[in-house]
Amino acid sequence: MEDDESPQIKGVVIISLPPPDNPSLGKTITAFTFSNPSPQPSIQPHQHQSQPTHPNAQHNTDPPLQSYPSNPQLSFSFRRLFHSTPVKLFSFFGILLFALFLYGSVSSTTTVELRGRNNDDDDDDKATSFLFPLFPKFGVLGQKDLKLQLGKLSQKEKFLTHRDDGDGSGVVAVDSSSVFPVSGNVYPDGLYFTILRVGNPPKSYFLDVDTGSDLTWMQCDAPCISCGKGAHVLYKPTRSNVVSSVDALCLDVQKNQKNGHHDESLLQCDYEIQYADHSSSLGVLVRDELHLVTTNGSKTKLNVVFGCGYDQAGLLLNTLGKTDGIMGLSRAKVSLPYQLASKGLIKNVVGHCLSNDGAGGGYMFLGDDFVPYWGMNWVPMAYTLTTDLYQTEILGINYGNRQLRFDGQSKVGKMVFDSGSSYTYFPKEAYLDLVASLNEVSGLGLVQDDSDTTLPICWQANFPIKSVKDVKDYFKTLTLRFGSKWWILSTLFQISPEGYLIISNKGHVCLGILDGSNVNDGSSIILGDISLRGYSVVYDNVKQKIGWKRADCGMPSRRLRKKNNFIPDSML
């Protein structure tokens, strides 16, 4: 019978872990198949398949095991396997699927850790990367920060399909990065910040992490009319620190100022920045030493240009009670990542991961060592001539199964990633369509309460609400669609109810998506911190793309103490 003549097929999967002293070798997965076939003459490599012999000869010893693809009997084994019993078939493929699942489930996090360590033994003169902590901050209750820097914007401006300045620097940097712990939350603080050490001797300053701003600046010790107190002793520059008006970075900063004025006759370079929340900062550019800790624990310092702000206005005055300024992380030449990349210290890659748990926090990094290998969703960056924002084209927005409108109909729009905005902003049509869709929650037991002014729309329940988890079943997931008009081929960014709702001080649930009619050019979606939480978001200026994946954004305290020994224990 056929079953009697079939060889006994077995499958084996061997997973070899890397040696502890060299984890960068990674894991090895080897699949074997072997059988006890009938005796036959030795098989030469040029033969295509084996022929079965009489079953009485099966008492001979088995041939030695061979690893795929060196086993010339492998094609025979697989063909006979599909004619064997279902139990054998399912057992063999079950082992393979389990091995692949095990590999995929650990590869992403393992890879991130390895990439952060694999340069520990490199020479100090090589470029490196930087990881920043994000710390909790006590801000203004319900503050709606929107630190999106305003330039000379054109309505309905078209995207450019290519940016010809490559990685944003004139220097080719090696593969490296650095990580900074981050803390803060959307509500009630409304900000995320990290630590920079500047000056000689170095002093620590708290800066808001802002991918929507070009210039890094901090409140200075200088005569001022409207100045913030700051979290630390104010930075005090010397005359030698002041940047000249003929400096190339001075021209880059002043090109997008409101008046667009550049006067080379001045001895200093003045700047004036307007933000979308009607805040502003006025000051001069200075150059001083920035002190960083590399991923292998070594310390480095270099001169960078930043703003010495002396007059601030708007909500900035409120935030400067506990922070010292803003870290500009956009694509502009004066931004911190661009300056570090131009000196060959890092690749021009920026990333952040904001925790969505109650404690807030997270981390950010400069360089590409901490970009996850697996599971990333990528979209191309879109460019305009007048701004250096991180933006891309969006094809559609869905609330549950309902498609929302923007610009009067469903068509290509713009979306900006802005870590300096506490909340997310939709264009007017999409916002009104979303609000209309949310009217259905009134029939489910939630009643809109206009007395709660935390945000424009808040609902009261007939039961106590302690967290968004208590009411998330009343709401649906928002889905942002990119790339293809066909849903199955699209790249998706999904925002669960936790990504657009907050619980106010009154115990009400409030909508964290706001009307963006007066933000930027009025037609863009601004994706703020509330919707970026729980994602690792990467802005790759070298490959000109933006990516994201779901992630746990916590950082081990032990690693922070080892790599960033200037961080107080109370911050970890």
Protein backbone atom coordinates (compact mmCIF):
# COMPACT_ATOMS: atom_id res chain seq x y z
CA MET A 1 0.00 0.00 0.00
CA GLU A 2 1.06 3.60 -0.52
CA ASP A 3 1.20 4.32 3.22
CA ASP A 4 3.44 1.34 3.86
CA GLU A 5 5.90 2.45 1.24
CA SER A 6 6.10 6.05 2.39
CA PRO A 7 9.15 7.11 4.43
CA GLN A 8 8.53 8.38 7.95
CA ILE A 9 8.84 12.16 7.70
CA LYS A 10 9.85 14.32 10.64
CA GLY A 11 10.48 18.03 10.94
CA VAL A 12 12.91 19.70 13.29
CA VAL A 13 13.51 23.42 13.86
CA ILE A 14 16.60 24.48 15.79
CA ILE A 15 16.80 28.04 17.18
CA SER A 16 20.33 29.05 18.18
CA LEU A 17 20.61 32.10 20.45
CA PRO A 18 23.63 34.43 20.12
CA PRO A 19 26.47 34.11 22.63
CA PRO A 20 26.07 36.47 25.64
CA ASP A 21 29.35 38.18 24.86
CA ASN A 22 28.36 38.98 21.25
CA PRO A 23 24.57 39.52 20.96
CA SER A 24 24.97 41.32 17.63
CA LEU A 25 25.34 37.92 15.90
CA GLY A 26 21.58 37.51 16.29
CA LYS A 27 19.52 34.32 16.34
CA THR A 28 19.86 31.42 13.89
CA ILE A 29 16.87 29.35 12.77
CA THR A 30 17.60 26.05 10.97
CA ALA A 31 14.90 23.74 9.56
CA PHE A 32 15.65 20.00 8.98
CA THR A 33 13.61 17.27 7.34
CA PHE A 34 14.73 13.64 7.47
CA SER A 35 13.30 10.21 6.82
CA ASN A 36 14.12 6.52 6.85
CA PRO A 37 13.88 5.85 3.11
CA SER A 38 14.52 2.52 1.46
CA PRO A 39 18.10 1.57 0.71
CA GLN A 40 19.38 2.78 -2.59
CA PRO A 41 22.62 3.69 -4.29
CA SER A 42 24.23 6.95 -3.17
CA ILE A 43 22.58 9.99 -4.72
CA GLN A 44 24.75 12.26 -6.82
CA PRO A 45 24.13 16.01 -6.75
CA HIS A 46 22.95 16.05 -10.37
CA GLN A 47 20.05 13.63 -9.68
CA HIS A 48 16.64 15.34 -9.40
CA GLN A 49 14.71 12.86 -7.22
CA SER A 50 14.89 9.52 -5.44
CA GLN A 51 12.93 6.41 -6.41
CA PRO A 52 11.43 4.26 -3.62
CA THR A 53 12.62 0.64 -3.30
CA HIS A 54 10.99 -2.48 -1.94
CA PRO A 55 9.70 -2.11 1.64
CA ASN A 56 11.59 -5.20 2.81
CA ALA A 57 14.83 -3.26 2.61
CA GLN A 58 13.78 -0.65 5.20
CA HIS A 59 15.82 -2.24 7.99
CA ASN A 60 19.00 -0.55 6.75
CA THR A 61 20.45 2.37 8.67
CA ASP A 62 19.22 5.89 7.96
CA PRO A 63 21.38 8.27 5.91
CA PRO A 64 23.04 11.10 7.86
CA LEU A 65 21.04 14.29 8.44
CA GLN A 66 21.68 17.18 6.07
CA SER A 67 20.62 20.81 6.46
CA TYR A 68 18.58 22.50 3.73
CA PRO A 69 19.48 23.22 0.97
CA SER A 70 22.37 20.71 0.90
CA ASN A 71 20.07 17.65 1.15
CA PRO A 72 19.31 16.41 -2.39
CA GLN A 73 16.44 14.29 -1.06
CA LEU A 74 14.55 17.34 0.17
CA SER A 75 12.37 17.67 -2.93
CA PHE A 76 11.34 14.04 -2.60
CA SER A 77 10.51 14.48 1.08
CA PHE A 78 8.20 17.42 0.49
CA ARG A 79 6.33 15.69 -2.33
CA ARG A 80 5.76 12.62 -0.27
CA LEU A 81 4.81 14.72 2.73
CA PHE A 82 1.74 16.09 0.95
CA HIS A 83 0.61 12.50 0.29
CA SER A 84 1.15 11.52 3.91
CA THR A 85 -1.34 11.72 6.76
CA PRO A 86 -2.83 15.11 7.81
CA VAL A 87 -1.30 14.71 11.29
CA LYS A 88 2.21 14.67 9.86
CA LEU A 89 1.51 17.61 7.62
CA PHE A 90 0.03 19.79 10.37
CA SER A 91 2.77 18.84 12.83
CA PHE A 92 5.54 19.79 10.43
CA PHE A 93 4.11 23.18 9.47
CA GLY A 94 3.03 23.85 13.05
CA ILE A 95 6.64 23.68 14.18
CA LEU A 96 7.71 26.05 11.40
CA LEU A 97 4.93 28.56 12.15
CA PHE A 98 5.75 28.52 15.86
CA ALA A 99 9.42 29.22 15.10
CA LEU A 100 8.53 32.13 12.81
CA PHE A 101 6.12 33.56 15.40
CA LEU A 102 8.74 33.31 18.14
CA TYR A 103 11.31 35.04 15.93
CA GLY A 104 8.95 37.84 14.90
CA SER A 105 7.65 38.47 18.41
CA VAL A 106 11.07 39.24 19.85
CA SER A 107 13.02 40.52 16.88
CA SER A 108 11.79 44.13 17.01
CA THR A 109 12.59 44.90 20.64
CA THR A 110 15.80 42.88 20.55
CA THR A 111 16.92 44.76 17.47
CA VAL A 112 16.31 48.15 19.04
CA GLU A 113 18.42 47.22 22.04
CA LEU A 114 21.19 45.80 19.85
CA ARG A 115 21.29 48.83 17.62
CA GLY A 116 21.69 51.00 20.67
CA ARG A 117 24.66 48.97 21.89
CA ASN A 118 26.49 47.64 18.87
CA ASN A 119 28.81 50.62 18.69
CA ASP A 120 29.91 50.46 22.32
CA ASP A 121 33.44 49.52 21.32
CA ASP A 122 33.73 51.94 18.43
CA ASP A 123 36.29 54.70 18.43
CA ASP A 124 35.26 57.97 20.03
CA ASP A 125 35.86 59.91 16.81
CA LYS A 126 32.99 58.20 14.99
CA ALA A 127 29.57 59.79 14.70
CA THR A 128 27.07 58.63 17.26
CA SER A 129 23.42 58.96 18.29
CA PHE A 130 21.54 60.55 21.16
CA LEU A 131 18.52 59.45 23.19
CA PHE A 132 16.70 62.10 25.24
CA PRO A 133 14.39 61.52 28.22
CA LEU A 134 11.02 63.29 28.30
CA PHE A 135 10.03 64.45 31.78
CA PRO A 136 6.76 65.38 33.52
CA LYS A 137 5.95 69.04 33.61
CA PHE A 138 3.44 71.04 35.61
CA GLY A 139 1.78 73.38 33.14
CA VAL A 140 -1.43 75.33 32.88
CA LEU A 141 -4.55 73.23 33.39
CA GLY A 142 -6.05 72.27 30.05
CA GLN A 143 -3.54 74.35 28.16
CA LYS A 144 -3.89 73.99 24.38
CA ASP A 145 -0.29 74.55 23.28
CA LEU A 146 0.23 74.70 19.53
CA LYS A 147 3.94 75.34 18.99
CA LEU A 148 3.68 75.11 15.21
CA GLN A 149 6.06 77.72 13.87
CA LEU A 150 4.45 80.07 11.39
CA GLY A 151 6.32 81.19 8.29
CA LYS A 152 5.25 82.94 5.13
CA LEU A 153 2.53 80.43 4.21
CA SER A 154 0.61 80.23 0.95
CA GLN A 155 -2.96 79.01 0.93
CA LYS A 156 -3.45 75.56 -0.68
CA GLU A 157 0.25 75.35 -1.40
CA LYS A 158 1.22 72.37 -3.56
CA PHE A 159 3.64 69.74 -2.37
CA LEU A 160 7.00 69.14 -3.99
CA THR A 161 7.79 65.54 -4.85
CA HIS A 162 11.53 65.77 -4.26
CA ARG A 163 13.95 67.63 -2.07
CA ASP A 164 17.43 67.74 -3.53
CA ASP A 165 19.46 68.47 -0.43
CA GLY A 166 19.71 64.77 0.48
CA ASP A 167 20.07 64.15 4.16
CA GLY A 168 19.96 67.83 4.99
CA SER A 169 23.68 68.16 5.49
CA GLY A 170 26.89 68.49 3.56
CA VAL A 171 28.55 65.68 5.54
CA VAL A 172 27.95 61.97 5.24
CA ALA A 173 27.45 60.69 8.78
CA VAL A 174 27.99 57.12 9.93
CA ASP A 175 25.17 54.96 11.27
CA SER A 176 24.67 56.12 14.87
CA SER A 177 22.25 57.70 17.39
CA SER A 178 21.56 59.11 20.86
CA VAL A 179 18.55 58.82 23.14
CA PHE A 180 17.03 61.34 25.57
CA PRO A 181 14.39 60.43 28.17
CA VAL A 182 11.20 62.49 27.80
CA SER A 183 8.38 63.22 30.20
CA GLY A 184 5.16 65.15 30.33
CA ASN A 185 1.56 64.54 29.32
CA VAL A 186 -1.26 65.98 27.23
CA TYR A 187 -3.53 66.81 30.16
CA PRO A 188 -3.18 68.59 32.47
CA ASP A 189 0.42 69.57 31.65
CA GLY A 190 0.08 69.93 27.88
CA LEU A 191 3.81 69.54 27.10
CA TYR A 192 6.68 67.07 26.83
CA PHE A 193 10.24 68.16 27.60
CA THR A 194 13.78 66.85 27.88
CA ILE A 195 17.15 68.04 29.18
CA LEU A 196 19.96 69.76 27.27
CA ARG A 197 23.30 70.72 28.78
CA VAL A 198 24.77 73.91 27.38
CA GLY A 199 27.74 76.18 28.11
CA ASN A 200 31.16 75.90 29.71
CA PRO A 201 30.90 74.67 32.39
CA PRO A 202 27.73 72.87 31.22
CA LYS A 203 24.38 73.66 32.82
CA SER A 204 21.09 71.79 32.44
CA TYR A 205 18.00 73.28 30.81
CA PHE A 206 14.50 71.87 30.25
CA LEU A 207 13.30 72.27 26.64
CA ASP A 208 9.94 71.42 25.09
CA VAL A 209 10.35 68.80 22.34
CA ASP A 210 8.92 70.33 19.15
CA THR A 211 9.06 68.81 15.66
CA GLY A 212 7.05 71.81 14.41
CA SER A 213 9.74 74.39 15.27
CA ASP A 214 12.97 75.26 13.47
CA LEU A 215 14.99 77.08 16.11
CA THR A 216 16.08 75.81 19.50
CA TRP A 217 15.99 78.67 21.99
CA MET A 218 15.96 79.33 25.73
CA GLN A 219 15.11 82.24 28.00
CA CYS A 220 18.23 84.35 28.54
CA ASP A 221 19.49 86.58 31.26
CA ALA A 222 19.10 89.85 29.33
CA PRO A 223 17.07 93.05 29.67
CA CYS A 224 13.49 92.25 28.70
CA ILE A 225 9.98 93.67 28.67
CA SER A 226 8.14 90.35 28.77
CA CYS A 227 10.29 87.41 29.87
CA GLY A 228 9.71 84.05 31.49
CA LYS A 229 11.12 82.92 34.79
CA GLY A 230 12.51 79.60 33.57
CA ALA A 231 13.08 76.36 35.44
CA HIS A 232 16.78 77.02 36.01
CA VAL A 233 19.16 79.91 36.41
CA LEU A 234 18.84 81.81 33.13
CA TYR A 235 21.41 81.25 30.42
CA LYS A 236 23.79 84.22 30.19
CA PRO A 237 25.77 84.62 26.95
CA THR A 238 28.95 86.60 26.45
CA ARG A 239 29.70 88.96 23.57
CA SER A 240 31.79 86.25 21.91
CA ASN A 241 28.73 83.94 21.82
CA VAL A 242 26.64 86.30 19.67
CA VAL A 243 26.18 85.19 16.04
CA SER A 244 26.95 87.74 13.33
CA SER A 245 24.25 88.92 10.93
CA VAL A 246 26.33 87.62 7.99
CA ASP A 247 26.33 84.05 9.33
CA ALA A 248 24.66 81.56 6.97
CA LEU A 249 22.33 80.29 9.70
CA CYS A 250 21.23 83.86 10.41
CA LEU A 251 19.89 84.16 6.87
CA ASP A 252 18.15 80.79 7.18
CA VAL A 253 16.38 81.86 10.39
CA GLN A 254 15.32 85.25 9.12
CA LYS A 255 13.95 84.09 5.76
CA ASN A 256 10.71 82.86 7.34
CA GLN A 257 10.22 85.67 9.80
CA LYS A 258 7.07 87.71 9.61
CA ASN A 259 8.75 90.76 8.09
CA GLY A 260 11.41 88.74 6.22
CA HIS A 261 13.96 91.47 7.06
CA HIS A 262 17.68 90.77 7.00
CA ASP A 263 20.12 93.58 7.80
CA GLU A 264 23.79 92.66 7.38
CA SER A 265 24.90 95.99 8.84
CA LEU A 266 23.93 94.84 12.33
CA LEU A 267 26.54 93.24 14.56
CA GLN A 268 24.10 90.61 15.82
CA CYS A 269 21.49 88.32 14.30
CA ASP A 270 17.99 89.04 15.63
CA TYR A 271 15.14 86.56 15.37
CA GLU A 272 11.39 86.76 15.87
CA ILE A 273 9.24 83.62 15.85
CA GLN A 274 5.44 83.50 15.65
CA TYR A 275 3.64 80.33 16.73
CA ALA A 276 0.20 79.09 15.75
CA ASP A 277 -1.18 79.56 19.29
CA HIS A 278 -0.33 83.30 18.96
CA SER A 279 2.74 82.98 21.16
CA SER A 280 5.99 84.57 20.08
CA SER A 281 9.67 84.71 20.95
CA LEU A 282 12.10 87.56 20.29
CA GLY A 283 15.87 87.36 20.77
CA VAL A 284 19.31 86.97 19.18
CA LEU A 285 21.23 83.97 17.89
CA VAL A 286 24.19 82.72 19.92
CA ARG A 287 26.72 79.92 19.52
CA ASP A 288 27.85 77.83 22.48
CA GLU A 289 28.91 74.33 23.50
CA LEU A 290 26.31 71.55 23.57
CA HIS A 291 27.24 68.57 25.75
CA LEU A 292 25.90 65.14 24.77
CA VAL A 293 26.26 61.57 26.00
CA THR A 294 26.71 58.98 23.24
CA THR A 295 25.07 55.56 23.13
CA ASN A 296 28.28 53.90 24.34
CA GLY A 297 28.39 56.18 27.39
CA SER A 298 31.16 58.51 26.22
CA LYS A 299 30.69 62.26 26.32
CA THR A 300 31.08 64.71 23.47
CA LYS A 301 30.68 68.44 22.98
CA LEU A 302 30.36 70.71 19.96
CA ASN A 303 29.33 74.25 19.13
CA VAL A 304 25.74 74.75 17.97
CA VAL A 305 23.64 77.82 17.15
CA PHE A 306 20.48 78.49 19.17
CA GLY A 307 18.31 81.39 20.23
CA CYS A 308 18.85 83.57 23.26
CA GLY A 309 15.27 84.74 23.89
CA TYR A 310 14.62 87.85 25.92
CA ASP A 311 10.99 88.80 25.11
CA GLN A 312 8.25 86.16 25.01
CA ALA A 313 4.50 86.60 24.61
CA GLY A 314 1.35 84.49 24.86
CA LEU A 315 1.12 81.00 26.34
CA LEU A 316 4.90 80.74 26.29
CA LEU A 317 4.99 82.88 29.43
CA ASN A 318 2.92 80.22 31.20
CA THR A 319 5.06 77.29 30.08
CA LEU A 320 8.32 79.04 30.93
CA GLY A 321 7.47 78.69 34.61
CA LYS A 322 8.71 75.09 34.55
CA THR A 323 10.75 74.90 31.33
CA ASP A 324 13.49 77.03 29.84
CA GLY A 325 12.62 77.08 26.14
CA ILE A 326 11.96 74.99 23.01
CA MET A 327 14.00 72.37 21.17
CA GLY A 328 13.53 72.88 17.42
CA LEU A 329 13.54 69.54 15.55
CA SER A 330 12.16 70.42 12.09
CA ARG A 331 13.92 69.97 8.73
CA ALA A 332 15.37 73.51 8.76
CA LYS A 333 19.12 74.06 8.59
CA VAL A 334 19.15 75.75 11.98
CA SER A 335 17.36 72.84 13.68
CA LEU A 336 19.34 70.77 16.16
CA PRO A 337 19.35 67.49 14.17
CA TYR A 338 20.43 69.27 10.98
CA GLN A 339 23.33 70.96 12.76
CA LEU A 340 24.51 67.70 14.34
CA ALA A 341 24.23 65.89 10.99
CA SER A 342 26.15 68.64 9.17
CA LYS A 343 29.04 68.05 11.58
CA GLY A 344 29.00 64.32 10.90
CA LEU A 345 27.92 63.42 14.42
CA ILE A 346 24.65 61.69 13.50
CA LYS A 347 22.49 60.86 10.52
CA ASN A 348 19.68 63.37 10.09
CA VAL A 349 17.02 61.20 11.69
CA VAL A 350 14.69 62.24 14.54
CA GLY A 351 12.31 60.06 16.51
CA HIS A 352 10.10 60.14 19.59
CA CYS A 353 7.95 57.77 21.58
CA LEU A 354 5.39 59.39 23.93
CA SER A 355 3.90 57.07 26.51
CA ASN A 356 0.12 56.76 26.63
CA ASP A 357 -0.07 55.56 30.23
CA GLY A 358 -1.18 57.75 33.12
CA ALA A 359 2.37 58.68 34.13
CA GLY A 360 3.22 60.09 30.70
CA GLY A 361 6.84 60.44 29.65
CA GLY A 362 8.74 58.54 26.98
CA TYR A 363 11.91 59.25 25.04
CA MET A 364 13.25 60.87 21.88
CA PHE A 365 16.37 60.18 19.84
CA LEU A 366 18.66 61.84 17.32
CA GLY A 367 20.27 59.53 14.75
CA ASP A 368 19.11 56.22 13.31
CA ASP A 369 20.34 53.58 15.77
CA PHE A 370 16.97 53.39 17.50
CA VAL A 371 14.80 53.09 14.40
CA PRO A 372 12.92 49.76 14.70
CA TYR A 373 13.78 47.15 12.06
CA TRP A 374 10.31 45.60 11.86
CA GLY A 375 6.69 46.65 11.84
CA MET A 376 7.17 50.25 10.67
CA ASN A 377 4.62 51.97 8.43
CA TRP A 378 6.31 54.46 6.09
CA VAL A 379 5.00 57.34 4.00
CA PRO A 380 7.02 59.80 1.88
CA MET A 381 7.69 63.30 3.18
CA ALA A 382 6.03 66.09 1.24
CA TYR A 383 7.83 69.39 0.78
CA THR A 384 6.82 72.97 0.22
CA LEU A 385 8.97 75.96 -0.61
CA THR A 386 7.99 77.97 2.46
CA THR A 387 8.02 75.62 5.46
CA ASP A 388 10.25 72.90 6.91
CA LEU A 389 7.47 70.98 8.64
CA TYR A 390 7.20 67.20 8.70
CA GLN A 391 4.17 66.65 6.48
CA THR A 392 2.75 64.12 4.07
CA GLU A 393 -0.26 63.61 1.79
CA ILE A 394 -3.39 62.04 3.27
CA LEU A 395 -6.11 60.40 1.18
CA GLY A 396 -8.91 59.94 3.67
CA ILE A 397 -10.20 60.01 7.25
CA ASN A 398 -12.66 57.49 8.66
CA TYR A 399 -14.58 57.55 11.92
CA GLY A 400 -15.46 53.89 12.28
CA ASN A 401 -16.82 52.98 8.84
CA ARG A 402 -17.86 56.52 7.98
CA GLN A 403 -15.57 58.57 5.77
CA LEU A 404 -15.16 62.20 6.84
CA ARG A 405 -14.92 65.10 4.41
CA PHE A 406 -12.15 67.65 4.11
CA ASP A 407 -12.04 70.56 1.67
CA GLY A 408 -15.68 69.81 0.89
CA GLN A 409 -15.05 66.31 -0.43
CA SER A 410 -12.83 63.27 -0.05
CA LYS A 411 -9.54 64.01 -1.82
CA VAL A 412 -5.83 64.43 -1.18
CA GLY A 413 -4.99 66.67 1.76
CA LYS A 414 -2.04 67.56 3.98
CA MET A 415 -1.08 66.26 7.41
CA VAL A 416 1.62 67.72 9.69
CA PHE A 417 3.28 65.77 12.53
CA ASP A 418 3.78 68.24 15.39
CA SER A 419 5.03 67.13 18.81
CA GLY A 420 4.76 70.75 19.96
CA SER A 421 0.94 70.66 19.74
CA SER A 422 -0.92 69.18 22.68
CA TYR A 423 -4.02 68.30 20.63
CA THR A 424 -4.92 67.28 17.08
CA TYR A 425 -6.52 69.74 14.63
CA PHE A 426 -8.80 68.90 11.70
CA PRO A 427 -9.80 71.20 8.81
CA LYS A 428 -13.24 72.71 9.31
CA GLU A 429 -15.20 70.28 7.08
CA ALA A 430 -13.62 67.21 8.64
CA TYR A 431 -14.04 68.61 12.16
CA LEU A 432 -17.76 69.39 11.69
CA ASP A 433 -18.30 65.99 10.11
CA LEU A 434 -16.63 64.32 13.07
CA VAL A 435 -18.69 66.30 15.59
CA ALA A 436 -21.86 65.30 13.73
CA SER A 437 -20.80 61.65 13.88
CA LEU A 438 -20.19 61.93 17.61
CA ASN A 439 -23.79 63.00 18.24
CA GLU A 440 -24.58 59.29 18.42
CA VAL A 441 -22.95 59.04 21.86
CA SER A 442 -25.80 61.13 23.28
CA GLY A 443 -28.12 58.19 22.69
CA LEU A 444 -25.73 55.91 24.56
CA GLY A 445 -25.85 57.73 27.90
CA LEU A 446 -23.39 60.60 27.46
CA VAL A 447 -24.72 64.17 27.59
CA GLN A 448 -22.80 67.17 26.28
CA ASP A 449 -21.96 69.59 29.09
CA ASP A 450 -21.22 73.17 28.00
CA SER A 451 -20.32 74.20 31.55
CA ASP A 452 -17.02 72.32 31.27
CA THR A 453 -14.72 74.66 29.36
CA THR A 454 -11.63 72.45 29.47
CA LEU A 455 -12.07 71.83 25.73
CA PRO A 456 -14.81 72.93 23.29
CA ILE A 457 -16.77 69.65 23.53
CA CYS A 458 -17.14 67.64 26.75
CA TRP A 459 -19.66 64.96 27.78
CA GLN A 460 -21.02 64.02 31.18
CA ALA A 461 -21.96 60.46 32.11
CA ASN A 462 -24.41 59.14 34.69
CA PHE A 463 -21.58 57.16 36.25
CA PRO A 464 -18.11 58.19 37.50
CA ILE A 465 -15.41 58.34 34.82
CA LYS A 466 -11.89 57.70 36.04
CA SER A 467 -10.16 57.10 32.70
CA VAL A 468 -10.89 56.97 28.98
CA LYS A 469 -11.09 53.18 29.29
CA ASP A 470 -14.39 53.62 31.14
CA VAL A 471 -16.05 55.20 28.09
CA LYS A 472 -14.00 54.06 25.10
CA ASP A 473 -16.71 51.59 24.01
CA TYR A 474 -18.98 54.58 23.31
CA PHE A 475 -16.55 55.82 20.64
CA LYS A 476 -14.98 54.45 17.46
CA THR A 477 -11.48 54.34 16.03
CA LEU A 478 -10.30 57.11 13.72
CA THR A 479 -8.33 55.86 10.71
CA LEU A 480 -6.08 58.09 8.62
CA ARG A 481 -5.31 56.64 5.19
CA PHE A 482 -2.21 57.23 3.05
CA GLY A 483 -0.66 55.97 -0.17
CA SER A 484 -3.39 54.21 -2.15
CA LYS A 485 -7.07 54.87 -2.76
CA TRP A 486 -7.62 51.13 -2.27
CA TRP A 487 -8.08 50.43 1.42
CA ILE A 488 -6.31 47.07 1.36
CA LEU A 489 -3.20 48.68 -0.16
CA SER A 490 -3.23 51.81 2.01
CA THR A 491 -0.89 52.73 4.82
CA LEU A 492 -2.99 53.40 7.92
CA PHE A 493 -2.52 55.45 11.08
CA GLN A 494 -5.19 54.38 13.56
CA ILE A 495 -6.23 56.57 16.48
CA SER A 496 -8.15 54.73 19.18
CA PRO A 497 -10.45 56.67 21.55
CA GLU A 498 -7.51 56.98 23.96
CA GLY A 499 -5.78 58.92 21.17
CA TYR A 500 -8.39 61.70 20.92
CA LEU A 501 -10.16 61.86 24.30
CA ILE A 502 -9.14 63.18 27.74
CA ILE A 503 -10.81 63.16 31.16
CA SER A 504 -11.18 66.68 32.55
CA ASN A 505 -10.79 67.80 36.15
CA LYS A 506 -14.58 67.65 36.48
CA GLY A 507 -14.64 63.96 35.54
CA HIS A 508 -16.06 64.58 32.07
CA VAL A 509 -14.79 63.09 28.82
CA CYS A 510 -13.64 65.75 26.32
CA LEU A 511 -12.80 65.68 22.62
CA GLY A 512 -9.09 66.34 22.01
CA ILE A 513 -9.56 67.05 18.30
CA LEU A 514 -10.10 70.74 17.63
CA ASP A 515 -11.20 72.98 14.77
CA GLY A 516 -8.08 73.86 12.77
CA SER A 517 -9.65 76.52 10.55
CA ASN A 518 -7.20 79.15 11.79
CA VAL A 519 -4.15 76.90 12.14
CA ASN A 520 -1.40 76.86 9.52
CA ASP A 521 -3.23 77.39 6.21
CA GLY A 522 -6.54 76.07 7.56
CA SER A 523 -6.57 73.03 5.28
CA SER A 524 -4.03 70.81 7.06
CA ILE A 525 -4.49 68.12 9.66
CA ILE A 526 -2.15 68.78 12.61
CA LEU A 527 -1.38 65.52 14.40
CA GLY A 528 -0.52 66.50 17.99
CA ASP A 529 0.73 64.73 21.10
CA ILE A 530 -2.67 63.32 22.08
CA SER A 531 -2.71 61.18 18.90
CA LEU A 532 1.04 60.49 18.73
CA ARG A 533 1.08 58.74 22.11
CA GLY A 534 1.77 55.02 22.07
CA TYR A 535 3.62 55.23 18.75
CA SER A 536 7.30 55.24 17.90
CA VAL A 537 7.42 57.98 15.25
CA VAL A 538 10.48 58.45 13.05
CA TYR A 539 11.33 61.39 10.77
CA ASP A 540 14.02 60.14 8.39
CA ASN A 541 15.46 63.15 6.59
CA VAL A 542 18.05 60.97 4.84
CA LYS A 543 15.52 58.72 3.10
CA GLN A 544 12.87 61.47 3.11
CA LYS A 545 10.11 59.49 4.79
CA ILE A 546 8.05 59.39 7.99
CA GLY A 547 7.29 56.15 9.81
CA TRP A 548 5.45 54.84 12.85
CA LYS A 549 4.59 51.70 14.78
CA ARG A 550 2.83 50.86 18.03
CA ALA A 551 5.31 50.78 20.89
CA ASP A 552 5.80 50.70 24.63
CA CYS A 553 7.50 54.04 25.22
CA GLY A 554 9.02 53.44 28.64
CA MET A 555 12.78 53.41 29.24
CA PRO A 556 14.56 51.35 31.95
CA SER A 557 15.81 53.59 34.75
CA ARG A 558 19.04 51.59 35.00
CA ARG A 559 19.94 52.39 31.41
CA LEU A 560 19.16 56.08 31.87
CA ARG A 561 21.45 56.28 34.90
CA LYS A 562 24.23 54.51 33.01
CA LYS A 563 24.07 56.62 29.87
CA ASN A 564 22.88 59.94 31.30
CA ASN A 565 24.44 60.30 34.72
CA PHE A 566 23.58 64.00 34.85
CA ILE A 567 19.86 63.20 35.18
CA PRO A 568 18.56 63.44 38.76
CA ASP A 569 17.13 60.24 40.26
CA SER A 570 13.85 62.08 40.88
CA MET A 571 13.42 62.37 37.10
CA LEU A 572 13.78 58.64 36.41
